[in-house]
Amino acid sequence: MGIIKFFKNAFSDMKESAKAQHQVDKANFQAAKAEAKAQWEEAKMSPKARQAKMQEDREKQIAEANERKAAADERIKKAKGEN
């Protein structure tokens, strides 16, 4: 009786795991599909719109770099014992 219960539990666990993995795979597929569509739409943008988007991306990158630099400067001050 114990071996039968063991296999029932094992197959039940495998079934639940397969369902959960299917949901993960489905979500990843939908995300990849949406990303592909976004890339396609971006590729069809007019030159002016593409240039504006690129400028916006560059400004974001500059802002992030400045934040990282400020955080690093603060860490340097703390390491040196300056306040």
N, C-alpha and C. Protein backbone atom coordinates (compact mmCIF):
# COMPACT_ATOMS: atom_id res chain seq x y z
N MET A 1 0.82 -1.19 0.00
CA MET A 1 0.00 0.00 0.00
C MET A 1 0.86 1.26 0.00
N GLY A 2 2.02 1.23 0.67
CA GLY A 2 2.88 2.39 0.75
C GLY A 2 3.47 2.79 -0.59
N ILE A 3 3.82 1.81 -1.41
CA ILE A 3 4.43 2.11 -2.71
C ILE A 3 3.41 2.74 -3.65
N ILE A 4 2.16 2.30 -3.56
CA ILE A 4 1.11 2.87 -4.40
C ILE A 4 0.88 4.33 -4.04
N LYS A 5 0.84 4.62 -2.77
CA LYS A 5 0.65 6.00 -2.30
C LYS A 5 1.84 6.87 -2.73
N PHE A 6 3.04 6.30 -2.64
CA PHE A 6 4.24 7.03 -3.06
C PHE A 6 4.14 7.45 -4.52
N PHE A 7 3.76 6.50 -5.38
CA PHE A 7 3.67 6.81 -6.81
C PHE A 7 2.53 7.77 -7.12
N LYS A 8 1.41 7.64 -6.40
CA LYS A 8 0.30 8.59 -6.59
C LYS A 8 0.76 10.00 -6.25
N ASN A 9 1.46 10.12 -5.13
CA ASN A 9 1.97 11.45 -4.72
C ASN A 9 3.00 11.96 -5.72
N ALA A 10 3.87 11.09 -6.18
CA ALA A 10 4.91 11.50 -7.12
C ALA A 10 4.29 12.00 -8.43
N PHE A 11 3.32 11.25 -8.95
CA PHE A 11 2.70 11.66 -10.21
C PHE A 11 1.84 12.90 -10.02
N SER A 12 1.23 13.04 -8.87
CA SER A 12 0.45 14.23 -8.58
C SER A 12 1.37 15.46 -8.54
N ASP A 13 2.52 15.32 -7.88
CA ASP A 13 3.49 16.42 -7.83
C ASP A 13 4.01 16.77 -9.21
N MET A 14 4.27 15.74 -10.03
CA MET A 14 4.75 16.00 -11.39
C MET A 14 3.70 16.73 -12.21
N LYS A 15 2.44 16.36 -12.03
CA LYS A 15 1.34 17.01 -12.75
C LYS A 15 1.25 18.49 -12.37
N GLU A 16 1.31 18.77 -11.07
CA GLU A 16 1.26 20.16 -10.60
C GLU A 16 2.46 20.96 -11.11
N SER A 17 3.62 20.34 -11.08
CA SER A 17 4.82 21.01 -11.56
C SER A 17 4.72 21.30 -13.05
N ALA A 18 4.18 20.36 -13.81
CA ALA A 18 4.02 20.57 -15.25
C ALA A 18 3.05 21.70 -15.53
N LYS A 19 1.97 21.79 -14.76
CA LYS A 19 1.00 22.88 -14.93
C LYS A 19 1.66 24.23 -14.64
N ALA A 20 2.41 24.28 -13.55
CA ALA A 20 3.08 25.53 -13.17
C ALA A 20 4.09 25.93 -14.23
N GLN A 21 4.86 24.97 -14.74
CA GLN A 21 5.85 25.27 -15.77
C GLN A 21 5.17 25.73 -17.05
N HIS A 22 4.02 25.16 -17.36
CA HIS A 22 3.27 25.58 -18.55
C HIS A 22 2.85 27.04 -18.42
N GLN A 23 2.42 27.44 -17.23
CA GLN A 23 2.04 28.83 -17.02
C GLN A 23 3.23 29.75 -17.20
N VAL A 24 4.39 29.34 -16.70
CA VAL A 24 5.61 30.14 -16.86
C VAL A 24 5.97 30.25 -18.34
N ASP A 25 5.94 29.12 -19.03
CA ASP A 25 6.26 29.12 -20.46
C ASP A 25 5.29 30.00 -21.25
N LYS A 26 4.01 29.92 -20.91
CA LYS A 26 3.00 30.72 -21.59
C LYS A 26 3.25 32.22 -21.38
N ALA A 27 3.57 32.59 -20.13
CA ALA A 27 3.84 34.00 -19.83
C ALA A 27 5.10 34.48 -20.56
N ASN A 28 6.15 33.64 -20.59
CA ASN A 28 7.37 34.01 -21.31
C ASN A 28 7.12 34.15 -22.79
N PHE A 29 6.29 33.28 -23.36
CA PHE A 29 5.96 33.37 -24.78
C PHE A 29 5.22 34.66 -25.08
N GLN A 30 4.25 35.00 -24.24
CA GLN A 30 3.50 36.25 -24.44
C GLN A 30 4.42 37.46 -24.35
N ALA A 31 5.36 37.43 -23.40
CA ALA A 31 6.30 38.55 -23.26
C ALA A 31 7.19 38.66 -24.48
N ALA A 32 7.70 37.53 -24.99
CA ALA A 32 8.55 37.54 -26.17
C ALA A 32 7.78 38.03 -27.38
N LYS A 33 6.53 37.62 -27.48
CA LYS A 33 5.68 38.05 -28.59
C LYS A 33 5.46 39.57 -28.54
N ALA A 34 5.18 40.09 -27.35
CA ALA A 34 4.97 41.53 -27.20
C ALA A 34 6.25 42.31 -27.50
N GLU A 35 7.40 41.79 -27.05
CA GLU A 35 8.67 42.46 -27.33
C GLU A 35 8.96 42.49 -28.83
N ALA A 36 8.66 41.39 -29.52
CA ALA A 36 8.88 41.34 -30.96
C ALA A 36 8.00 42.36 -31.68
N LYS A 37 6.75 42.47 -31.22
CA LYS A 37 5.85 43.45 -31.84
C LYS A 37 6.34 44.87 -31.57
N ALA A 38 6.83 45.11 -30.36
CA ALA A 38 7.35 46.45 -30.03
C ALA A 38 8.55 46.79 -30.92
N GLN A 39 9.44 45.81 -31.13
CA GLN A 39 10.59 46.05 -32.00
C GLN A 39 10.15 46.33 -33.42
N TRP A 40 9.13 45.60 -33.88
CA TRP A 40 8.62 45.81 -35.23
C TRP A 40 8.05 47.22 -35.37
N GLU A 41 7.25 47.63 -34.38
CA GLU A 41 6.66 48.97 -34.43
C GLU A 41 7.73 50.05 -34.36
N GLU A 42 8.77 49.82 -33.54
CA GLU A 42 9.86 50.79 -33.47
C GLU A 42 10.60 50.87 -34.79
N ALA A 43 10.74 49.75 -35.47
CA ALA A 43 11.44 49.74 -36.75
C ALA A 43 10.65 50.51 -37.81
N LYS A 44 9.34 50.56 -37.66
CA LYS A 44 8.50 51.27 -38.64
C LYS A 44 8.35 52.76 -38.33
N MET A 45 8.93 53.22 -37.22
CA MET A 45 8.78 54.63 -36.84
C MET A 45 9.43 55.53 -37.88
N SER A 46 8.94 56.76 -37.94
CA SER A 46 9.53 57.73 -38.85
C SER A 46 10.91 58.12 -38.33
N PRO A 47 11.75 58.63 -39.20
CA PRO A 47 13.10 59.02 -38.75
C PRO A 47 13.08 60.04 -37.60
N LYS A 48 12.16 60.99 -37.64
CA LYS A 48 12.09 61.98 -36.56
C LYS A 48 11.68 61.33 -35.25
N ALA A 49 10.71 60.44 -35.30
CA ALA A 49 10.27 59.76 -34.09
C ALA A 49 11.38 58.86 -33.55
N ARG A 50 12.10 58.17 -34.44
CA ARG A 50 13.19 57.31 -34.01
C ARG A 50 14.29 58.14 -33.36
N GLN A 51 14.59 59.29 -33.95
CA GLN A 51 15.63 60.16 -33.40
C GLN A 51 15.22 60.68 -32.02
N ALA A 52 13.94 61.03 -31.86
CA ALA A 52 13.45 61.51 -30.56
C ALA A 52 13.54 60.40 -29.51
N LYS A 53 13.18 59.18 -29.90
CA LYS A 53 13.27 58.06 -28.97
C LYS A 53 14.71 57.80 -28.58
N MET A 54 15.62 57.84 -29.52
CA MET A 54 17.03 57.62 -29.22
C MET A 54 17.55 58.69 -28.28
N GLN A 55 17.14 59.94 -28.48
CA GLN A 55 17.57 61.04 -27.61
C GLN A 55 17.03 60.82 -26.20
N GLU A 56 15.79 60.38 -26.10
CA GLU A 56 15.20 60.09 -24.79
C GLU A 56 15.96 58.98 -24.09
N ASP A 57 16.32 57.93 -24.83
CA ASP A 57 17.10 56.82 -24.26
C ASP A 57 18.46 57.30 -23.78
N ARG A 58 19.11 58.17 -24.57
CA ARG A 58 20.42 58.70 -24.16
C ARG A 58 20.31 59.54 -22.90
N GLU A 59 19.25 60.34 -22.80
CA GLU A 59 19.06 61.17 -21.61
C GLU A 59 18.84 60.29 -20.37
N LYS A 60 18.09 59.20 -20.52
CA LYS A 60 17.89 58.27 -19.41
C LYS A 60 19.22 57.67 -18.98
N GLN A 61 20.03 57.27 -19.94
CA GLN A 61 21.32 56.66 -19.63
C GLN A 61 22.23 57.65 -18.92
N ILE A 62 22.22 58.90 -19.35
CA ILE A 62 23.04 59.93 -18.71
C ILE A 62 22.58 60.14 -17.27
N ALA A 63 21.26 60.20 -17.06
CA ALA A 63 20.73 60.40 -15.71
C ALA A 63 21.11 59.23 -14.80
N GLU A 64 21.00 58.01 -15.32
CA GLU A 64 21.38 56.83 -14.53
C GLU A 64 22.87 56.84 -14.20
N ALA A 65 23.69 57.24 -15.16
CA ALA A 65 25.13 57.29 -14.93
C ALA A 65 25.46 58.35 -13.87
N ASN A 66 24.78 59.47 -13.92
CA ASN A 66 25.02 60.51 -12.92
C ASN A 66 24.62 60.05 -11.53
N GLU A 67 23.52 59.30 -11.44
CA GLU A 67 23.10 58.77 -10.14
C GLU A 67 24.12 57.77 -9.61
N ARG A 68 24.62 56.91 -10.48
CA ARG A 68 25.63 55.94 -10.06
C ARG A 68 26.90 56.64 -9.60
N LYS A 69 27.29 57.70 -10.31
CA LYS A 69 28.49 58.45 -9.95
C LYS A 69 28.31 59.11 -8.59
N ALA A 70 27.13 59.70 -8.35
CA ALA A 70 26.88 60.34 -7.07
C ALA A 70 26.90 59.31 -5.93
N ALA A 71 26.34 58.14 -6.17
CA ALA A 71 26.36 57.09 -5.15
C ALA A 71 27.79 56.63 -4.88
N ALA A 72 28.59 56.52 -5.93
CA ALA A 72 29.99 56.11 -5.76
C ALA A 72 30.78 57.17 -5.00
N ASP A 73 30.54 58.44 -5.32
CA ASP A 73 31.21 59.52 -4.61
C ASP A 73 30.86 59.49 -3.12
N GLU A 74 29.61 59.22 -2.81
CA GLU A 74 29.17 59.14 -1.42
C GLU A 74 29.85 57.97 -0.72
N ARG A 75 29.98 56.85 -1.38
CA ARG A 75 30.67 55.69 -0.80
C ARG A 75 32.14 56.00 -0.56
N ILE A 76 32.76 56.75 -1.47
CA ILE A 76 34.17 57.12 -1.31
C ILE A 76 34.33 58.00 -0.07
N LYS A 77 33.42 58.97 0.09
CA LYS A 77 33.48 59.85 1.26
C LYS A 77 33.34 59.06 2.56
N LYS A 78 32.42 58.11 2.57
CA LYS A 78 32.21 57.29 3.77
C LYS A 78 33.42 56.42 4.04
N ALA A 79 34.04 55.90 2.99
CA ALA A 79 35.21 55.04 3.18
C ALA A 79 36.40 55.83 3.71
N LYS A 80 36.51 57.10 3.32
CA LYS A 80 37.59 57.94 3.79
C LYS A 80 37.30 58.54 5.16
N GLY A 81 36.07 58.42 5.61
CA GLY A 81 35.70 58.97 6.91
C GLY A 81 35.28 60.42 6.83
N GLU A 82 35.05 60.91 5.66
CA GLU A 82 34.61 62.30 5.49
C GLU A 82 33.09 62.32 5.54
N ASN A 83 32.54 63.42 6.01
CA ASN A 83 31.08 63.54 6.03
C ASN A 83 30.64 64.77 5.35
